[in-house]
N, C-alpha and C. Protein backbone atom coordinates (compact mmCIF):
# COMPACT_ATOMS: atom_id res chain seq x y z
N MET A 1 -21.92 -16.81 -0.74
CA MET A 1 -21.67 -16.17 0.54
C MET A 1 -22.67 -15.03 0.69
N SER A 2 -23.29 -14.95 1.85
CA SER A 2 -24.29 -13.90 2.07
C SER A 2 -23.62 -12.55 2.19
N SER A 3 -24.41 -11.51 1.97
CA SER A 3 -23.85 -10.16 2.06
C SER A 3 -23.40 -9.85 3.49
N LEU A 4 -24.07 -10.42 4.48
CA LEU A 4 -23.66 -10.22 5.87
C LEU A 4 -22.28 -10.82 6.12
N CYS A 5 -22.04 -12.02 5.60
CA CYS A 5 -20.73 -12.66 5.76
C CYS A 5 -19.65 -11.85 5.04
N ARG A 6 -19.95 -11.37 3.84
CA ARG A 6 -18.98 -10.56 3.10
C ARG A 6 -18.65 -9.29 3.86
N GLN A 7 -19.66 -8.65 4.43
CA GLN A 7 -19.45 -7.42 5.18
C GLN A 7 -18.62 -7.70 6.42
N THR A 8 -18.93 -8.77 7.13
CA THR A 8 -18.19 -9.13 8.34
C THR A 8 -16.73 -9.43 8.00
N ASN A 9 -16.50 -10.17 6.92
CA ASN A 9 -15.13 -10.47 6.50
C ASN A 9 -14.38 -9.19 6.12
N ALA A 10 -15.04 -8.30 5.42
CA ALA A 10 -14.41 -7.04 5.00
C ALA A 10 -14.05 -6.20 6.23
N GLU A 11 -14.94 -6.15 7.20
CA GLU A 11 -14.67 -5.39 8.42
C GLU A 11 -13.50 -6.00 9.19
N ALA A 12 -13.43 -7.32 9.27
CA ALA A 12 -12.33 -7.98 9.96
C ALA A 12 -11.01 -7.72 9.24
N GLU A 13 -11.02 -7.80 7.91
CA GLU A 13 -9.81 -7.53 7.13
C GLU A 13 -9.35 -6.08 7.32
N GLU A 14 -10.31 -5.15 7.36
CA GLU A 14 -9.96 -3.75 7.55
C GLU A 14 -9.35 -3.53 8.94
N THR A 15 -9.90 -4.19 9.95
CA THR A 15 -9.37 -4.07 11.31
C THR A 15 -7.96 -4.62 11.39
N ILE A 16 -7.72 -5.77 10.78
CA ILE A 16 -6.39 -6.38 10.79
C ILE A 16 -5.40 -5.47 10.05
N THR A 17 -5.81 -4.97 8.91
CA THR A 17 -4.95 -4.09 8.11
C THR A 17 -4.59 -2.83 8.90
N THR A 18 -5.57 -2.21 9.52
CA THR A 18 -5.35 -1.00 10.31
C THR A 18 -4.39 -1.28 11.47
N ASP A 19 -4.58 -2.40 12.15
CA ASP A 19 -3.72 -2.75 13.28
C ASP A 19 -2.28 -2.98 12.84
N ILE A 20 -2.10 -3.67 11.74
CA ILE A 20 -0.74 -3.93 11.24
C ILE A 20 -0.06 -2.62 10.85
N ILE A 21 -0.76 -1.78 10.13
CA ILE A 21 -0.20 -0.50 9.69
C ILE A 21 0.16 0.37 10.90
N SER A 22 -0.68 0.36 11.93
CA SER A 22 -0.42 1.21 13.10
C SER A 22 0.79 0.75 13.90
N MET A 23 1.23 -0.49 13.74
CA MET A 23 2.40 -0.98 14.46
C MET A 23 3.70 -0.42 13.89
N ALA A 24 3.73 -0.09 12.62
CA ALA A 24 4.98 0.35 11.97
C ALA A 24 5.61 1.57 12.65
N PRO A 25 4.89 2.69 12.77
CA PRO A 25 5.56 3.86 13.38
C PRO A 25 5.89 3.64 14.86
N LYS A 26 5.12 2.82 15.53
CA LYS A 26 5.39 2.55 16.96
C LYS A 26 6.72 1.82 17.14
N SER A 27 7.14 1.11 16.10
CA SER A 27 8.40 0.38 16.17
C SER A 27 9.50 1.04 15.33
N GLY A 28 9.26 2.30 14.92
CA GLY A 28 10.27 3.05 14.19
C GLY A 28 10.39 2.70 12.73
N HIS A 29 9.35 2.14 12.13
CA HIS A 29 9.37 1.75 10.72
C HIS A 29 8.32 2.52 9.92
N PHE A 30 8.48 2.46 8.61
CA PHE A 30 7.46 2.96 7.69
C PHE A 30 6.50 1.83 7.36
N ALA A 31 5.28 2.19 7.02
CA ALA A 31 4.31 1.21 6.54
C ALA A 31 4.21 1.36 5.03
N THR A 32 4.62 0.34 4.30
CA THR A 32 4.58 0.36 2.84
C THR A 32 3.56 -0.66 2.37
N ALA A 33 2.56 -0.20 1.65
CA ALA A 33 1.53 -1.09 1.12
C ALA A 33 1.92 -1.50 -0.29
N GLU A 34 1.62 -2.72 -0.64
CA GLU A 34 1.93 -3.23 -1.98
C GLU A 34 0.67 -3.84 -2.56
N GLY A 35 0.37 -3.45 -3.78
CA GLY A 35 -0.68 -4.13 -4.52
C GLY A 35 -2.10 -3.64 -4.35
N ALA A 36 -2.31 -2.37 -3.98
CA ALA A 36 -3.67 -1.84 -3.94
C ALA A 36 -4.25 -1.96 -5.35
N LYS A 37 -5.40 -2.57 -5.45
CA LYS A 37 -5.96 -2.89 -6.76
C LYS A 37 -6.93 -1.83 -7.29
N ASN A 38 -7.40 -0.96 -6.41
CA ASN A 38 -8.33 0.07 -6.87
C ASN A 38 -8.22 1.29 -5.96
N GLU A 39 -8.88 2.36 -6.37
CA GLU A 39 -8.80 3.62 -5.65
C GLU A 39 -9.36 3.51 -4.23
N LYS A 40 -10.39 2.73 -4.05
CA LYS A 40 -10.98 2.55 -2.71
C LYS A 40 -9.95 1.92 -1.76
N GLN A 41 -9.24 0.91 -2.21
CA GLN A 41 -8.20 0.29 -1.39
C GLN A 41 -7.07 1.28 -1.11
N ARG A 42 -6.68 2.04 -2.11
CA ARG A 42 -5.60 3.02 -1.94
C ARG A 42 -5.99 4.04 -0.88
N GLN A 43 -7.21 4.55 -0.97
CA GLN A 43 -7.68 5.54 0.00
C GLN A 43 -7.72 4.96 1.41
N LEU A 44 -8.20 3.73 1.54
CA LEU A 44 -8.25 3.08 2.85
C LEU A 44 -6.86 2.96 3.44
N LEU A 45 -5.89 2.55 2.63
CA LEU A 45 -4.52 2.40 3.11
C LEU A 45 -3.94 3.75 3.56
N LEU A 46 -4.24 4.80 2.82
CA LEU A 46 -3.76 6.13 3.21
C LEU A 46 -4.41 6.59 4.51
N ILE A 47 -5.72 6.35 4.64
CA ILE A 47 -6.43 6.73 5.86
C ILE A 47 -5.89 5.94 7.06
N CYS A 48 -5.54 4.69 6.84
CA CYS A 48 -5.02 3.84 7.91
C CYS A 48 -3.62 4.25 8.34
N GLY A 49 -2.94 5.05 7.53
CA GLY A 49 -1.63 5.55 7.92
C GLY A 49 -0.46 5.01 7.14
N CYS A 50 -0.70 4.42 5.99
CA CYS A 50 0.41 3.95 5.15
C CYS A 50 1.26 5.13 4.73
N ASP A 51 2.56 4.99 4.92
CA ASP A 51 3.49 6.06 4.54
C ASP A 51 3.86 6.01 3.07
N ARG A 52 3.91 4.80 2.54
CA ARG A 52 4.36 4.58 1.16
C ARG A 52 3.49 3.53 0.50
N MET A 53 3.50 3.57 -0.83
CA MET A 53 2.68 2.61 -1.56
C MET A 53 3.39 2.19 -2.84
N GLN A 54 3.29 0.92 -3.13
CA GLN A 54 3.82 0.35 -4.36
C GLN A 54 2.66 -0.36 -5.04
N SER A 55 2.27 0.14 -6.19
CA SER A 55 1.09 -0.41 -6.84
C SER A 55 1.03 0.08 -8.29
N CYS A 56 0.35 -0.68 -9.12
CA CYS A 56 0.14 -0.25 -10.50
C CYS A 56 -0.72 1.01 -10.56
N LEU A 57 -1.44 1.30 -9.47
CA LEU A 57 -2.20 2.56 -9.42
C LEU A 57 -1.26 3.75 -9.32
N VAL A 58 -0.09 3.55 -8.74
CA VAL A 58 0.89 4.61 -8.56
C VAL A 58 1.78 4.72 -9.79
N ALA A 59 2.32 3.60 -10.24
CA ALA A 59 3.19 3.59 -11.42
C ALA A 59 3.23 2.17 -12.00
N ARG A 60 3.20 2.09 -13.29
CA ARG A 60 3.28 0.80 -13.97
C ARG A 60 4.70 0.26 -13.84
N PRO A 61 4.86 -1.07 -13.86
CA PRO A 61 6.21 -1.64 -13.82
C PRO A 61 7.04 -1.15 -15.00
N LYS A 62 8.33 -0.98 -14.76
CA LYS A 62 9.24 -0.50 -15.79
C LYS A 62 10.27 -1.57 -16.13
N ASP A 63 10.82 -1.46 -17.31
CA ASP A 63 11.92 -2.31 -17.75
C ASP A 63 13.11 -2.08 -16.82
N GLY A 64 13.90 -3.10 -16.58
CA GLY A 64 15.05 -3.00 -15.68
C GLY A 64 16.01 -1.90 -16.04
N ASN A 65 16.35 -1.74 -17.33
CA ASN A 65 17.29 -0.71 -17.75
C ASN A 65 16.73 0.70 -17.51
N ILE A 66 15.45 0.87 -17.75
CA ILE A 66 14.81 2.16 -17.51
C ILE A 66 14.84 2.48 -16.01
N THR A 67 14.62 1.48 -15.19
CA THR A 67 14.65 1.67 -13.74
C THR A 67 16.04 2.07 -13.27
N ILE A 68 17.06 1.43 -13.80
CA ILE A 68 18.44 1.76 -13.43
C ILE A 68 18.76 3.20 -13.84
N GLU A 69 18.37 3.59 -15.04
CA GLU A 69 18.61 4.96 -15.50
C GLU A 69 17.89 5.96 -14.58
N PHE A 70 16.66 5.66 -14.23
CA PHE A 70 15.91 6.55 -13.33
C PHE A 70 16.61 6.69 -11.99
N LEU A 71 17.01 5.57 -11.41
CA LEU A 71 17.66 5.60 -10.10
C LEU A 71 18.98 6.36 -10.14
N GLU A 72 19.73 6.18 -11.22
CA GLU A 72 21.00 6.90 -11.35
C GLU A 72 20.76 8.40 -11.47
N SER A 73 19.78 8.80 -12.26
CA SER A 73 19.49 10.25 -12.41
C SER A 73 18.90 10.81 -11.13
N TYR A 74 18.12 10.04 -10.43
CA TYR A 74 17.50 10.49 -9.18
C TYR A 74 18.54 10.72 -8.10
N SER A 75 19.53 9.84 -8.03
CA SER A 75 20.55 9.94 -6.99
C SER A 75 21.50 11.12 -7.21
N LYS A 76 21.50 11.68 -8.43
CA LYS A 76 22.36 12.83 -8.73
C LYS A 76 21.71 14.15 -8.36
N ARG A 77 20.46 14.12 -7.95
CA ARG A 77 19.74 15.36 -7.62
C ARG A 77 20.21 15.94 -6.33
């Protein structure tokens, strides 16, 4: 694939991503991104207006029991 095609595809994907994210607050919802694979993607999602993010860049997956303990302690705050 030529670099021009890659750039065009990347620009189209960025436009689609931005449009989807911008619809969330207009309809009373949060925009939650899942699976940002690197810091560049994370920054783009934040700039586009993502309210929340779920990714290994934010936190590694946890064991189910550890997650339950965390949620129980968090809800007591």
